[in-house]
Structure formats: C-alpha cells, structure tokens
C-alpha cells in the first residue's frame, strides 16, 4: 500500500514539473523599475516614452519604484506626486521648480506629496505663494534641497516616519511646520523665518544637527510630547525655544546663543511639565559649572515656573 502511494506521488510531481515552463518568468511591465528623464530644452527628437519636457508629464508616466531624473533648467510647474517614486534633480543650485507662473492669486503649494515612500532630492523650489513642499502621507525623504522665496511655509509635514535632511530653507513664515510623528529632522539650515521648526501635536520626533538663525522663534513645540531636540545650533533668534503645553521632551547638548536684548533663550508657557534639559550651552550662563535655571510661567496664570539644566556645557558645541 505504501509503495502504491509513493508511486502515485512520484507521478504527480513528474507531471507537475513538466507542466510548468522552466524558463525565467516574464516580469509584467507595470512591475519593471525604470528611469524617466526630463529636460526642458532638449531637441524634439529626444522626447519619447521615457524622455519628457515637463516634470509633471514624467511623474504621470511613472510607476511605483521608478526614478524621475530632472536635468538642469527652470521648470515653471506645480508638481503633484501620488506614487512612490524618486524625484531627483541634476544639481540643487540649477535644477529649479519655480511657482511664479502658476495662474491665479489663491494660495498654492509648489510640490505636493500624496503617496508614501517618496524621495525628493537636489532641487531649488522657489517663488511659491504658500508652501514649498506639502506632505500628506508617510515615510518620505526630502533632502539636499533649497527652498526659498516662499510666502508661508518651507515644508509642511503630516503623517509619520519622514526624514528631512540637509535642506536650506529661507522663507518668510515657518521653515518646517510639522504635526507628523516618529520623524527625523536633521542637518537643515533655516534662516530669516518667523519660526524655524514648529511642532504642533507632534510626538516622538528627533530634531538634531540643525542650524537655526535669525528667526523670531527658533524651535516651537506646542502640545508636542516625547520629542528629542539634540545638538542643534539655535542662535541669534528673538526667542530660541518656545515651549507651550508640551511634556516629556528632551533638550540635550544644544547651543543657545544670543537671543538679543528683548528675547529669551527659552519661553515656557502653559503646563509644560517633565521636560529634560542636559548639557546645553547657554551663552548667558555666568558660572558654567552651576545649574541653569530656566524661568517660565505656570499655565495661563502669572505664577512662576521653571526647568533646570543641571549640567550645562562650558563651551559651545561644534555644530
């Protein structure tokens, strides 16, 4: 009986192996990762199914996993990305997305991200009447860009799991405005804005190695909890830190330099409890081996409140 079962199993396997082709499977076209190219001033014969004149045409022709590579030039477009691609410029100084020709007077965004796992790298984004880059998804990477001459926001973040790295942001309003969670904002330079980095109901983010100068408020946390703010150079702002209704945040090893005659290194307002300060450099600390007292206000009442940096640094960090 066992021999009959074994014989039947052998015949089944033999028939199965011979039924299916032994050659490599053909990958469907929609799953083939490809690179699409954009050049605004190429000769007419250059354009085909993978070579385009506008960024938006290339994005619309892409699939998840593709790369859209943009050659140097000025592209007067509004870009909307709703698939998981890499959008890469040839050179961040000379590959420019310019919003000055977008019709109408309404507030607009230069680049909108609706899908997740998108990378935007090496562009200048400029002359936009609202927001440079607006993100409404998860796990995106925005790096090595210049964002300037924007009326309101350099970057707006929603969702979770983003990496914002090594961008230069010069805007009138807020450099990076985020209510995203579990994201990393690192290595960015933000100058001349009303607010440098602003977290609003944002949790478990890491803000490191940023250079924030010449703003009204350097870093703002409002109703934001369990964030890490470490090794940032926060200098020459009217108020270097503004903290309201925010709990259990960690401020470690930052430089707090020159908040002017009317500003403060830290503004504490509205029940900001259990925040930790350690090893920060305070340029107005007279005796550096003593704890730094950070004065503030308790709730909406004029009662004093304070935090303490128990071990302030004696000299500024090289950031």
Protein backbone atom coordinates (compact mmCIF):
# COMPACT_ATOMS: atom_id res chain seq x y z
CA UNK A 1 0.00 0.00 0.00
CA UNK A 2 2.82 2.41 0.92
CA UNK A 3 4.60 1.59 -2.35
CA UNK A 4 1.44 2.45 -4.32
CA UNK A 5 1.15 5.83 -2.50
CA UNK A 6 4.82 6.60 -3.16
CA UNK A 7 4.44 5.72 -6.86
CA UNK A 8 1.37 7.96 -7.17
CA UNK A 9 3.21 10.87 -5.50
CA UNK A 10 6.20 10.47 -7.85
CA UNK A 11 3.96 10.51 -10.93
CA UNK A 12 2.21 13.67 -9.65
CA UNK A 13 5.50 15.54 -9.12
CA UNK A 14 6.79 14.47 -12.55
CA UNK A 15 3.62 15.68 -14.28
CA UNK A 16 3.70 18.98 -12.32
CA UNK A 17 7.34 19.74 -13.20
CA UNK A 18 6.77 19.05 -16.89
CA UNK A 19 3.57 21.12 -16.95
CA UNK A 20 5.18 24.47 -15.90
CA UNK A 21 7.80 26.21 -18.08
CA UNK A 22 11.37 26.01 -16.89
CA UNK A 23 12.45 29.35 -18.43
CA UNK A 24 12.58 32.60 -16.40
CA UNK A 25 9.28 34.28 -15.66
CA UNK A 26 8.46 37.44 -17.57
CA UNK A 27 8.06 40.43 -15.24
CA UNK A 28 4.94 42.47 -16.04
CA UNK A 29 5.71 45.90 -17.46
CA UNK A 30 3.99 47.63 -14.55
CA UNK A 31 6.47 45.99 -12.15
CA UNK A 32 9.59 46.88 -14.14
CA UNK A 33 11.55 49.64 -12.39
CA UNK A 34 12.67 52.29 -14.86
CA UNK A 35 14.22 55.75 -15.05
CA UNK A 36 12.42 58.58 -16.78
CA UNK A 37 14.27 61.73 -17.85
CA UNK A 38 13.16 65.36 -18.02
CA UNK A 39 14.82 68.17 -19.97
CA UNK A 40 13.05 71.42 -20.79
CA UNK A 41 15.24 72.38 -23.75
CA UNK A 42 16.21 69.13 -25.49
CA UNK A 43 15.83 68.75 -29.28
CA UNK A 44 12.41 67.43 -30.39
CA UNK A 45 13.73 64.01 -31.39
CA UNK A 46 14.93 63.39 -27.81
CA UNK A 47 11.39 63.09 -26.42
CA UNK A 48 9.76 59.66 -26.28
CA UNK A 49 8.04 57.35 -23.77
CA UNK A 50 10.86 57.79 -21.21
CA UNK A 51 12.05 61.33 -22.09
CA UNK A 52 9.84 64.32 -21.25
CA UNK A 53 9.75 68.08 -21.44
CA UNK A 54 7.94 68.67 -18.11
CA UNK A 55 8.35 67.11 -14.69
CA UNK A 56 4.63 66.54 -14.32
CA UNK A 57 4.43 64.58 -17.58
CA UNK A 58 7.22 62.29 -16.37
CA UNK A 59 5.60 61.82 -12.95
CA UNK A 60 2.27 60.94 -14.58
CA UNK A 61 4.04 58.32 -16.73
CA UNK A 62 5.89 56.75 -13.80
CA UNK A 63 5.00 53.75 -11.66
CA UNK A 64 5.83 52.87 -8.07
CA UNK A 65 9.57 52.35 -7.69
CA UNK A 66 10.58 54.43 -10.73
CA UNK A 67 13.07 57.30 -10.75
CA UNK A 68 12.33 60.62 -12.43
CA UNK A 69 15.64 62.37 -13.13
CA UNK A 70 15.44 66.07 -13.99
CA UNK A 71 18.24 67.83 -15.88
CA UNK A 72 19.25 71.40 -15.07
CA UNK A 73 16.74 74.06 -16.02
CA UNK A 74 13.91 76.16 -14.65
CA UNK A 75 10.57 74.35 -14.62
CA UNK A 76 7.54 76.58 -14.13
CA UNK A 77 5.29 73.90 -12.73
CA UNK A 78 3.23 72.75 -9.80
CA UNK A 79 4.22 69.15 -9.04
CA UNK A 80 1.76 66.60 -7.60
CA UNK A 81 3.17 63.16 -6.72
CA UNK A 82 0.76 60.32 -5.96
CA UNK A 83 3.03 57.31 -6.49
CA UNK A 84 6.13 56.05 -4.68
CA UNK A 85 8.99 57.35 -6.80
CA UNK A 86 12.36 59.04 -6.55
CA UNK A 87 12.31 62.59 -7.92
CA UNK A 88 15.92 63.69 -8.33
CA UNK A 89 17.42 66.87 -9.72
CA UNK A 90 20.76 67.06 -11.50
CA UNK A 91 22.01 69.90 -9.27
CA UNK A 92 20.18 71.60 -6.43
CA UNK A 93 21.51 75.03 -7.44
CA UNK A 94 20.45 74.84 -11.08
CA UNK A 95 17.50 72.40 -11.19
CA UNK A 96 14.68 74.75 -10.26
CA UNK A 97 10.96 74.32 -9.67
CA UNK A 98 9.51 77.82 -9.91
CA UNK A 99 5.94 78.71 -8.92
CA UNK A 100 5.87 82.24 -10.22
CA UNK A 101 3.89 81.30 -13.35
CA UNK A 102 1.18 79.31 -11.56
CA UNK A 103 -2.09 81.06 -12.57
CA UNK A 104 -4.41 82.67 -10.06
CA UNK A 105 -3.91 84.54 -6.80
CA UNK A 106 -5.01 81.76 -4.44
CA UNK A 107 -2.59 80.13 -2.05
CA UNK A 108 -0.85 77.18 -3.69
CA UNK A 109 1.89 74.66 -2.95
CA UNK A 110 4.88 74.12 -5.20
CA UNK A 111 5.23 70.37 -4.65
CA UNK A 112 2.51 68.18 -3.13
CA UNK A 113 3.24 64.65 -1.90
CA UNK A 114 0.25 62.34 -1.52
CA UNK A 115 1.88 58.89 -1.72
CA UNK A 116 4.32 57.31 0.73
CA UNK A 117 7.96 56.28 0.31
CA UNK A 118 8.79 59.22 -1.98
CA UNK A 119 12.24 60.82 -2.21
CA UNK A 120 12.68 64.44 -3.35
CA UNK A 121 16.34 65.30 -3.76
CA UNK A 122 18.51 68.13 -5.16
CA UNK A 123 16.11 70.87 -6.27
CA UNK A 124 15.66 74.57 -5.73
CA UNK A 125 11.98 75.28 -5.05
CA UNK A 126 11.16 78.96 -5.19
CA UNK A 127 8.61 81.74 -5.77
CA UNK A 128 5.57 79.93 -4.36
CA UNK A 129 2.58 81.74 -2.88
CA UNK A 130 2.11 79.47 0.17
CA UNK A 131 4.13 76.29 0.74
CA UNK A 132 7.26 74.94 -0.93
CA UNK A 133 6.68 71.22 -0.20
CA UNK A 134 3.49 69.85 1.38
CA UNK A 135 3.50 66.22 2.60
CA UNK A 136 0.26 64.34 3.34
CA UNK A 137 1.45 60.72 3.61
CA UNK A 138 4.03 58.55 5.35
CA UNK A 139 7.73 57.59 5.16
CA UNK A 140 9.06 60.21 2.76
CA UNK A 141 12.58 61.59 2.32
CA UNK A 142 13.18 65.26 1.49
CA UNK A 143 16.88 66.00 1.27
CA UNK A 144 19.51 68.32 -0.20
CA UNK A 145 17.05 70.94 -1.45
CA UNK A 146 16.99 74.74 -1.41
CA UNK A 147 13.60 76.22 -0.54
CA UNK A 148 13.41 79.99 -0.82
CA UNK A 149 11.18 82.97 -1.52
CA UNK A 150 8.10 81.18 -0.17
CA UNK A 151 5.39 83.28 1.44
CA UNK A 152 4.23 80.95 4.24
CA UNK A 153 5.86 77.54 4.83
CA UNK A 154 9.02 75.92 3.52
CA UNK A 155 7.90 72.35 4.32
CA UNK A 156 4.63 71.15 5.88
CA UNK A 157 4.57 67.60 7.25
CA UNK A 158 1.69 65.32 8.08
CA UNK A 159 1.80 61.55 8.61
CA UNK A 160 4.65 59.54 10.15
CA UNK A 161 8.17 58.34 9.56
CA UNK A 162 9.68 61.13 7.45
CA UNK A 163 13.33 62.10 7.04
CA UNK A 164 14.02 65.80 6.37
CA UNK A 165 17.75 66.14 5.80
CA UNK A 166 20.25 68.80 4.76
CA UNK A 167 17.86 71.36 3.27
CA UNK A 168 18.47 75.11 3.12
CA UNK A 169 15.24 76.95 3.89
CA UNK A 170 14.78 80.72 3.61
CA UNK A 171 11.10 81.66 3.92
CA UNK A 172 9.03 84.43 5.49
CA UNK A 173 6.75 82.22 7.58
CA UNK A 174 7.79 78.88 9.07
CA UNK A 175 10.73 76.84 7.82
CA UNK A 176 9.40 73.39 8.78
CA UNK A 177 5.89 73.05 10.20
CA UNK A 178 5.10 69.54 11.37
CA UNK A 179 2.36 67.60 13.07
CA UNK A 180 3.99 64.34 11.95
CA UNK A 181 5.13 61.64 14.37
CA UNK A 182 8.22 59.42 14.53
CA UNK A 183 10.16 61.54 12.05
CA UNK A 184 13.73 62.85 11.84
CA UNK A 185 14.63 66.47 11.04
CA UNK A 186 18.40 66.72 10.80
CA UNK A 187 21.17 68.79 9.26
CA UNK A 188 18.92 71.57 7.93
CA UNK A 189 19.75 75.28 7.84
CA UNK A 190 16.84 77.67 8.40
CA UNK A 191 17.33 81.44 8.43
CA UNK A 192 15.23 84.60 8.50
CA UNK A 193 11.85 82.96 9.19
CA UNK A 194 9.18 83.81 11.71
CA UNK A 195 9.59 80.28 13.11
CA UNK A 196 12.43 77.92 12.28
CA UNK A 197 10.97 74.49 13.19
CA UNK A 198 7.46 74.23 14.63
CA UNK A 199 5.94 71.04 16.04
CA UNK A 200 2.18 71.07 16.62
CA UNK A 201 0.70 67.97 18.29
CA UNK A 202 3.73 66.00 17.12
CA UNK A 203 5.17 63.05 19.02
CA UNK A 204 8.42 61.05 19.22
CA UNK A 205 10.35 63.11 16.67
CA UNK A 206 14.11 63.62 16.62
CA UNK A 207 15.48 67.08 15.78
CA UNK A 208 19.27 67.10 15.51
CA UNK A 209 22.20 68.97 13.97
CA UNK A 210 20.08 71.82 12.58
CA UNK A 211 21.31 75.39 12.29
CA UNK A 212 18.52 77.88 13.03
CA UNK A 213 19.40 81.56 12.97
CA UNK A 214 17.81 84.96 12.55
CA UNK A 215 14.23 83.86 13.26
CA UNK A 216 11.66 85.32 15.63
CA UNK A 217 11.29 81.88 17.24
CA UNK A 218 13.91 79.21 16.68
CA UNK A 219 12.13 75.97 17.66
CA UNK A 220 8.48 75.89 18.74
CA UNK A 221 6.77 72.97 20.48
CA UNK A 222 3.03 73.26 21.09
CA UNK A 223 1.10 70.31 22.54
CA UNK A 224 4.00 68.11 21.43
CA UNK A 225 5.40 65.33 23.60
CA UNK A 226 8.29 62.86 23.83
CA UNK A 227 10.46 64.58 21.23
CA UNK A 228 14.27 64.75 21.27
CA UNK A 229 15.95 68.07 20.45
CA UNK A 230 19.69 67.44 20.44
CA UNK A 231 22.87 69.06 19.06
CA UNK A 232 21.21 71.98 17.29
CA UNK A 233 22.77 75.41 16.86
CA UNK A 234 19.97 77.82 17.82
CA UNK A 235 21.39 81.32 17.62
CA UNK A 236 20.51 84.98 17.02
CA UNK A 237 16.76 84.41 17.25
CA UNK A 238 14.47 86.63 19.30
CA UNK A 239 13.29 83.57 21.27
CA UNK A 240 15.42 80.48 20.75
CA UNK A 241 12.88 77.97 22.16
CA UNK A 242 9.12 78.46 22.63
CA UNK A 243 7.52 75.67 24.66
CA UNK A 244 3.78 75.51 25.34
CA UNK A 245 1.60 72.67 26.69
CA UNK A 246 4.38 70.20 25.82
CA UNK A 247 5.60 67.37 28.04
CA UNK A 248 8.46 64.90 28.37
CA UNK A 249 10.65 66.39 25.68
CA UNK A 250 14.44 66.13 25.90
CA UNK A 251 16.72 69.07 25.13
CA UNK A 252 20.28 67.77 25.08
CA UNK A 253 23.59 69.40 24.05
CA UNK A 254 22.19 72.33 22.06
CA UNK A 255 23.82 75.73 21.61
CA UNK A 256 21.65 78.61 22.81
CA UNK A 257 23.37 81.77 21.66
CA UNK A 258 22.36 85.46 21.51
CA UNK A 259 18.63 85.99 21.89
CA UNK A 260 19.08 89.76 21.89
CA UNK A 261 18.09 92.31 24.49
CA UNK A 262 14.31 91.68 24.30
CA UNK A 263 14.25 87.93 23.68
CA UNK A 264 14.77 84.80 25.75
CA UNK A 265 16.64 81.59 25.27
CA UNK A 266 13.53 79.67 26.39
CA UNK A 267 9.90 80.78 26.71
CA UNK A 268 7.94 78.38 28.93
CA UNK A 269 4.15 78.69 28.86
CA UNK A 270 1.11 76.61 29.65
CA UNK A 271 1.72 73.49 31.75
CA UNK A 272 4.93 72.30 30.12
CA UNK A 273 5.87 69.55 32.57
CA UNK A 274 8.60 66.91 32.86
CA UNK A 275 10.86 68.23 30.10
CA UNK A 276 14.54 67.36 30.50
CA UNK A 277 17.48 69.69 29.84
CA UNK A 278 21.02 68.35 29.88
CA UNK A 279 24.40 69.56 28.69
CA UNK A 280 23.19 72.57 26.71
CA UNK A 281 25.42 75.58 26.14
CA UNK A 282 23.92 78.86 27.33
CA UNK A 283 25.87 81.95 26.36
CA UNK A 284 24.32 83.96 29.23
CA UNK A 285 25.34 81.46 31.90
CA UNK A 286 27.87 83.33 34.02
CA UNK A 287 29.17 80.38 36.06
CA UNK A 288 29.02 77.36 33.78
CA UNK A 289 29.51 74.64 36.37
CA UNK A 290 26.33 75.70 38.20
CA UNK A 291 22.86 74.52 37.08
CA UNK A 292 20.99 76.69 34.58
CA UNK A 293 17.61 77.91 35.83
CA UNK A 294 15.06 78.23 33.00
CA UNK A 295 12.30 80.54 34.11
CA UNK A 296 8.76 80.41 32.77
CA UNK A 297 5.08 80.66 33.61
CA UNK A 298 2.64 78.14 35.06
CA UNK A 299 -0.47 77.78 32.91
CA UNK A 300 -2.36 80.93 31.99
CA UNK A 301 -1.78 82.47 35.42
CA UNK A 302 1.18 84.73 36.21
CA UNK A 303 2.71 82.17 38.58
CA UNK A 304 6.41 81.42 38.05
CA UNK A 305 7.54 78.07 36.73
CA UNK A 306 11.00 76.80 35.94
CA UNK A 307 13.03 73.95 34.46
CA UNK A 308 16.66 73.17 35.25
CA UNK A 309 19.63 72.16 33.11
CA UNK A 310 21.70 70.50 35.82
CA UNK A 311 24.90 70.17 33.81
CA UNK A 312 25.25 72.98 31.24
CA UNK A 313 28.18 72.85 28.82
CA UNK A 314 31.09 75.21 29.41
CA UNK A 315 31.69 75.97 25.74
CA UNK A 316 29.58 75.77 22.56
CA UNK A 317 29.46 72.61 20.53
CA UNK A 318 30.87 72.44 17.01
CA UNK A 319 27.63 72.09 15.03
